Amino acid sequence: MKTKSLIFSLLTIMFMMGLLSCATIPKGAVAVQPFEKEKYLGKWFEIARMDFKFEKNLNNTTATYSVNDNGTIKVDNRGYNTKKEEWVQATGKAKFVENENVAKLKVSFFGPFYSGYNVIAIDKGYQYALVAGKSLKYLWILSREKEIPADTKEKYLKIAEDIGYETSDLLWVEHDKIK
């Protein structure tokens, strides 16, 4: 009986910490639908982000998406660490949570642990994207180019603010080392 009680307690703590949470998208956010995976693949420049420990001190950040042999999406993130003065790279994988028609994914860079990756806005040409993580702590504005048009920027900031993001906390990424 003690073992069952201990397991239940551990599961409860993990759930409360969000480790077992099924939530992959913030309340009020809606993943793009219909979504065209093939159009989304390729290289994206990170224009802005909510900074967090895995991207701390990074600039010139990009993400390149391709399809793995098993059908998952390969995620290749790269950036320049301004403190260490070196390029760093992290490779992970992403899977669709529902189906490939809904831009609601989960991504993993560390073994069996996944986190939400949700495209919540994208233009018709798949040149600019607004991506939400699993909570209001994670947000990215992406572009196929190193810059984003002012009207698109304002539109995406408004969407994020309406969901509850504090957009004044966004870190605006420099792309001065990428040719």
C-alpha atoms as a PDB file:
ATOM      1  CA  MET A   1       0.000   0.000   0.000  1.00  0.00           C
ATOM      2  CA  LYS A   2       2.884   2.364   0.749  1.00  0.00           C
ATOM      3  CA  THR A   3       4.257   1.871  -2.771  1.00  0.00           C
ATOM      4  CA  LYS A   4       0.925   2.808  -4.405  1.00  0.00           C
ATOM      5  CA  SER A   5       0.646   5.849  -2.154  1.00  0.00           C
ATOM      6  CA  LEU A   6       4.201   6.945  -2.997  1.00  0.00           C
ATOM      7  CA  ILE A   7       3.626   6.501  -6.740  1.00  0.00           C
ATOM      8  CA  PHE A   8       0.367   8.454  -6.538  1.00  0.00           C
ATOM      9  CA  SER A   9       2.112  11.247  -4.605  1.00  0.00           C
ATOM     10  CA  LEU A  10       4.941  11.437  -7.147  1.00  0.00           C
ATOM     11  CA  LEU A  11       2.508  11.492 -10.066  1.00  0.00           C
ATOM     12  CA  THR A  12       0.499  14.237  -8.373  1.00  0.00           C
ATOM     13  CA  ILE A  13       3.621  16.346  -7.830  1.00  0.00           C
ATOM     14  CA  MET A  14       4.776  15.789 -11.424  1.00  0.00           C
ATOM     15  CA  PHE A  15       1.330  16.744 -12.733  1.00  0.00           C
ATOM     16  CA  MET A  16       1.304  19.907 -10.625  1.00  0.00           C
ATOM     17  CA  MET A  17       4.760  20.794 -11.954  1.00  0.00           C
ATOM     18  CA  GLY A  18       3.451  20.381 -15.485  1.00  0.00           C
ATOM     19  CA  LEU A  19       5.603  17.386 -16.326  1.00  0.00           C
ATOM     20  CA  LEU A  20       2.621  15.189 -17.103  1.00  0.00           C
ATOM     21  CA  SER A  21       0.307  17.905 -18.293  1.00  0.00           C
ATOM     22  CA  CYS A  22      -1.524  17.284 -21.553  1.00  0.00           C
ATOM     23  CA  ALA A  23      -1.765  21.034 -22.173  1.00  0.00           C
ATOM     24  CA  THR A  24       0.413  21.934 -25.127  1.00  0.00           C
ATOM     25  CA  ILE A  25      -1.103  25.319 -25.973  1.00  0.00           C
ATOM     26  CA  PRO A  26      -1.956  28.367 -23.822  1.00  0.00           C
ATOM     27  CA  LYS A  27      -5.586  29.026 -22.971  1.00  0.00           C
ATOM     28  CA  GLY A  28      -7.081  31.285 -25.618  1.00  0.00           C
ATOM     29  CA  ALA A  29      -4.553  30.365 -28.304  1.00  0.00           C
ATOM     30  CA  VAL A  30      -5.686  28.430 -31.363  1.00  0.00           C
ATOM     31  CA  ALA A  31      -3.389  26.459 -33.648  1.00  0.00           C
ATOM     32  CA  VAL A  32      -3.525  27.292 -37.358  1.00  0.00           C
ATOM     33  CA  GLN A  33      -5.879  25.072 -39.322  1.00  0.00           C
ATOM     34  CA  PRO A  34      -5.603  24.085 -42.130  1.00  0.00           C
ATOM     35  CA  PHE A  35      -1.823  23.789 -41.864  1.00  0.00           C
ATOM     36  CA  GLU A  36       0.504  22.748 -44.686  1.00  0.00           C
ATOM     37  CA  LYS A  37       3.551  21.002 -43.236  1.00  0.00           C
ATOM     38  CA  GLU A  38       5.475  21.004 -46.538  1.00  0.00           C
ATOM     39  CA  LYS A  39       5.196  24.799 -46.821  1.00  0.00           C
ATOM     40  CA  TYR A  40       6.438  25.225 -43.243  1.00  0.00           C
ATOM     41  CA  LEU A  41       9.606  23.168 -43.721  1.00  0.00           C
ATOM     42  CA  GLY A  42      12.890  24.964 -44.321  1.00  0.00           C
ATOM     43  CA  LYS A  43      14.798  27.743 -42.612  1.00  0.00           C
ATOM     44  CA  TRP A  44      13.267  30.397 -40.365  1.00  0.00           C
ATOM     45  CA  PHE A  45      14.945  33.379 -38.687  1.00  0.00           C
ATOM     46  CA  GLU A  46      13.926  34.058 -35.114  1.00  0.00           C
ATOM     47  CA  ILE A  47      12.806  37.701 -35.041  1.00  0.00           C
ATOM     48  CA  ALA A  48      11.686  37.850 -31.408  1.00  0.00           C
ATOM     49  CA  ARG A  49      11.182  35.494 -28.481  1.00  0.00           C
ATOM     50  CA  MET A  50      10.337  35.266 -24.828  1.00  0.00           C
ATOM     51  CA  ASP A  51      13.812  34.567 -23.500  1.00  0.00           C
ATOM     52  CA  PHE A  52      14.354  31.380 -21.515  1.00  0.00           C
ATOM     53  CA  LYS A  53      17.285  29.351 -20.235  1.00  0.00           C
ATOM     54  CA  PHE A  54      17.897  27.230 -23.346  1.00  0.00           C
ATOM     55  CA  GLU A  55      18.268  30.301 -25.575  1.00  0.00           C
ATOM     56  CA  LYS A  56      19.907  32.569 -23.009  1.00  0.00           C
ATOM     57  CA  ASN A  57      22.626  34.797 -24.541  1.00  0.00           C
ATOM     58  CA  LEU A  58      21.805  33.651 -28.085  1.00  0.00           C
ATOM     59  CA  ASN A  59      21.512  35.941 -31.084  1.00  0.00           C
ATOM     60  CA  ASN A  60      21.443  35.194 -34.814  1.00  0.00           C
ATOM     61  CA  THR A  61      19.074  32.349 -34.017  1.00  0.00           C
ATOM     62  CA  THR A  62      17.513  30.222 -36.722  1.00  0.00           C
ATOM     63  CA  ALA A  63      15.389  27.093 -36.877  1.00  0.00           C
ATOM     64  CA  THR A  64      15.436  24.699 -39.805  1.00  0.00           C
ATOM     65  CA  TYR A  65      12.708  22.097 -40.173  1.00  0.00           C
ATOM     66  CA  SER A  66      12.885  18.945 -42.311  1.00  0.00           C
ATOM     67  CA  VAL A  67      11.237  15.520 -42.309  1.00  0.00           C
ATOM     68  CA  ASN A  68      12.953  12.572 -40.608  1.00  0.00           C
ATOM     69  CA  ASP A  69      12.780   9.087 -42.155  1.00  0.00           C
ATOM     70  CA  ASN A  70      10.190   8.073 -39.538  1.00  0.00           C
ATOM     71  CA  GLY A  71       7.875  10.973 -40.453  1.00  0.00           C
ATOM     72  CA  THR A  72       8.641  13.177 -37.452  1.00  0.00           C
ATOM     73  CA  ILE A  73       9.952  16.673 -38.086  1.00  0.00           C
ATOM     74  CA  LYS A  74      13.635  17.315 -37.496  1.00  0.00           C
ATOM     75  CA  VAL A  75      14.161  20.605 -35.648  1.00  0.00           C
ATOM     76  CA  ASP A  76      17.632  22.098 -36.036  1.00  0.00           C
ATOM     77  CA  ASN A  77      18.059  25.225 -33.893  1.00  0.00           C
ATOM     78  CA  ARG A  78      21.215  27.300 -34.201  1.00  0.00           C
ATOM     79  CA  GLY A  79      22.413  30.517 -32.593  1.00  0.00           C
ATOM     80  CA  TYR A  80      25.448  32.541 -31.638  1.00  0.00           C
ATOM     81  CA  ASN A  81      26.224  32.622 -27.915  1.00  0.00           C
ATOM     82  CA  THR A  82      27.302  36.219 -27.257  1.00  0.00           C
ATOM     83  CA  LYS A  83      28.914  35.370 -23.895  1.00  0.00           C
ATOM     84  CA  LYS A  84      30.972  32.378 -25.065  1.00  0.00           C
ATOM     85  CA  GLU A  85      31.477  33.878 -28.547  1.00  0.00           C
ATOM     86  CA  GLU A  86      30.649  30.626 -30.304  1.00  0.00           C
ATOM     87  CA  TRP A  87      27.916  29.038 -32.390  1.00  0.00           C
ATOM     88  CA  VAL A  88      25.707  26.496 -30.642  1.00  0.00           C
ATOM     89  CA  GLN A  89      23.256  24.045 -32.097  1.00  0.00           C
ATOM     90  CA  ALA A  90      20.482  21.836 -30.763  1.00  0.00           C
ATOM     91  CA  THR A  91      18.681  19.168 -32.765  1.00  0.00           C
ATOM     92  CA  GLY A  92      15.335  17.749 -31.761  1.00  0.00           C
ATOM     93  CA  LYS A  93      12.171  16.304 -33.171  1.00  0.00           C
ATOM     94  CA  ALA A  94       8.560  17.387 -33.381  1.00  0.00           C
ATOM     95  CA  LYS A  95       5.350  15.389 -33.692  1.00  0.00           C
ATOM     96  CA  PHE A  96       1.832  16.513 -34.474  1.00  0.00           C
ATOM     97  CA  VAL A  97      -0.461  16.317 -31.446  1.00  0.00           C
ATOM     98  CA  GLU A  98      -3.670  15.819 -33.432  1.00  0.00           C
ATOM     99  CA  ASN A  99      -3.031  15.507 -37.168  1.00  0.00           C
ATOM    100  CA  GLU A 100      -0.878  17.219 -39.803  1.00  0.00           C
ATOM    101  CA  ASN A 101      -3.729  19.558 -40.721  1.00  0.00           C
ATOM    102  CA  VAL A 102      -3.517  21.269 -37.293  1.00  0.00           C
ATOM    103  CA  ALA A 103      -0.357  23.257 -36.405  1.00  0.00           C
ATOM    104  CA  LYS A 104      -0.328  21.893 -32.863  1.00  0.00           C
ATOM    105  CA  LEU A 105       2.899  20.006 -32.246  1.00  0.00           C
ATOM    106  CA  LYS A 106       5.049  18.790 -29.416  1.00  0.00           C
ATOM    107  CA  VAL A 107       8.822  19.107 -29.634  1.00  0.00           C
ATOM    108  CA  SER A 108      11.621  17.325 -27.810  1.00  0.00           C
ATOM    109  CA  PHE A 109      15.310  18.090 -27.502  1.00  0.00           C
ATOM    110  CA  PHE A 110      15.798  15.932 -24.405  1.00  0.00           C
ATOM    111  CA  GLY A 111      14.726  12.332 -24.803  1.00  0.00           C
ATOM    112  CA  PRO A 112      11.162  11.525 -23.852  1.00  0.00           C
ATOM    113  CA  PHE A 113      10.288  15.019 -22.617  1.00  0.00           C
ATOM    114  CA  TYR A 114       8.113  17.095 -24.954  1.00  0.00           C
ATOM    115  CA  SER A 115       6.814  20.632 -24.869  1.00  0.00           C
ATOM    116  CA  GLY A 116       4.206  22.482 -26.888  1.00  0.00           C
ATOM    117  CA  TYR A 117       4.995  24.111 -30.246  1.00  0.00           C
ATOM    118  CA  ASN A 118       1.949  25.766 -31.776  1.00  0.00           C
ATOM    119  CA  VAL A 119       1.802  27.892 -34.898  1.00  0.00           C
ATOM    120  CA  ILE A 120      -0.978  30.334 -33.984  1.00  0.00           C
ATOM    121  CA  ALA A 121      -0.621  32.718 -36.933  1.00  0.00           C
ATOM    122  CA  ILE A 122       0.936  32.408 -40.375  1.00  0.00           C
ATOM    123  CA  ASP A 123       0.613  34.365 -43.585  1.00  0.00           C
ATOM    124  CA  LYS A 124      -0.718  32.734 -46.759  1.00  0.00           C
ATOM    125  CA  GLY A 125       2.753  32.484 -48.286  1.00  0.00           C
ATOM    126  CA  TYR A 126       4.293  30.875 -45.190  1.00  0.00           C
ATOM    127  CA  GLN A 127       6.839  33.691 -44.850  1.00  0.00           C
ATOM    128  CA  TYR A 128       5.997  34.852 -41.299  1.00  0.00           C
ATOM    129  CA  ALA A 129       4.816  32.851 -38.290  1.00  0.00           C
ATOM    130  CA  LEU A 130       3.773  33.411 -34.693  1.00  0.00           C
ATOM    131  CA  VAL A 131       4.530  30.392 -32.512  1.00  0.00           C
ATOM    132  CA  ALA A 132       3.287  29.788 -28.973  1.00  0.00           C
ATOM    133  CA  GLY A 133       4.777  27.315 -26.548  1.00  0.00           C
ATOM    134  CA  LYS A 134       2.762  25.416 -23.970  1.00  0.00           C
ATOM    135  CA  SER A 135       2.309  28.478 -21.749  1.00  0.00           C
ATOM    136  CA  LEU A 136       2.595  32.262 -21.754  1.00  0.00           C
ATOM    137  CA  LYS A 137       6.316  31.884 -20.991  1.00  0.00           C
ATOM    138  CA  TYR A 138       7.104  30.837 -24.573  1.00  0.00           C
ATOM    139  CA  LEU A 139       6.516  32.824 -27.752  1.00  0.00           C
ATOM    140  CA  TRP A 140       8.407  33.285 -31.016  1.00  0.00           C
ATOM    141  CA  ILE A 141       8.010  35.482 -34.074  1.00  0.00           C
ATOM    142  CA  LEU A 142       9.633  33.849 -37.093  1.00  0.00           C
ATOM    143  CA  SER A 143      10.405  35.010 -40.630  1.00  0.00           C
ATOM    144  CA  ARG A 144      11.964  33.528 -43.757  1.00  0.00           C
ATOM    145  CA  GLU A 145      14.051  36.717 -43.932  1.00  0.00           C
ATOM    146  CA  LYS A 146      16.071  38.534 -41.245  1.00  0.00           C
ATOM    147  CA  GLU A 147      13.327  41.131 -40.829  1.00  0.00           C
ATOM    148  CA  ILE A 148       9.561  41.249 -40.690  1.00  0.00           C
ATOM    149  CA  PRO A 149       7.262  43.932 -42.155  1.00  0.00           C
ATOM    150  CA  ALA A 150       5.931  46.418 -39.593  1.00  0.00           C
ATOM    151  CA  ASP A 151       2.273  45.585 -40.309  1.00  0.00           C
ATOM    152  CA  THR A 152       2.884  41.854 -39.783  1.00  0.00           C
ATOM    153  CA  LYS A 153       4.827  42.585 -36.593  1.00  0.00           C
ATOM    154  CA  GLU A 154       1.978  44.705 -35.202  1.00  0.00           C
ATOM    155  CA  LYS A 155      -0.627  42.093 -36.187  1.00  0.00           C
ATOM    156  CA  TYR A 156       1.299  39.295 -34.425  1.00  0.00           C
ATOM    157  CA  LEU A 157       1.930  41.422 -31.325  1.00  0.00           C
ATOM    158  CA  LYS A 158      -1.807  42.138 -31.104  1.00  0.00           C
ATOM    159  CA  ILE A 159      -2.668  38.434 -31.394  1.00  0.00           C
ATOM    160  CA  ALA A 160      -0.160  37.607 -28.648  1.00  0.00           C
ATOM    161  CA  GLU A 161      -1.420  40.389 -26.362  1.00  0.00           C
ATOM    162  CA  ASP A 162      -5.037  39.288 -26.835  1.00  0.00           C
ATOM    163  CA  ILE A 163      -4.041  35.802 -25.626  1.00  0.00           C
ATOM    164  CA  GLY A 164      -2.322  37.272 -22.568  1.00  0.00           C
ATOM    165  CA  TYR A 165       1.349  37.519 -23.531  1.00  0.00           C
ATOM    166  CA  GLU A 166       3.328  40.424 -22.107  1.00  0.00           C
ATOM    167  CA  THR A 167       4.894  41.453 -25.428  1.00  0.00           C
ATOM    168  CA  SER A 168       7.087  44.098 -23.794  1.00  0.00           C
ATOM    169  CA  ASP A 169       9.089  41.122 -22.475  1.00  0.00           C
ATOM    170  CA  LEU A 170      10.010  39.975 -25.978  1.00  0.00           C
ATOM    171  CA  LEU A 171      13.700  39.873 -26.847  1.00  0.00           C
ATOM    172  CA  TRP A 172      14.311  41.191 -30.380  1.00  0.00           C
ATOM    173  CA  VAL A 173      16.983  39.083 -32.053  1.00  0.00           C
ATOM    174  CA  GLU A 174      19.893  40.537 -34.006  1.00  0.00           C
ATOM    175  CA  HIS A 175      21.059  38.863 -37.190  1.00  0.00           C
ATOM    176  CA  ASP A 176      24.424  40.523 -37.698  1.00  0.00           C
ATOM    177  CA  LYS A 177      26.547  37.374 -38.053  1.00  0.00           C
ATOM    178  CA  ILE A 178      24.458  35.549 -40.676  1.00  0.00           C
ATOM    179  CA  LYS A 179      25.180  36.294 -44.299  1.00  0.00           C
END
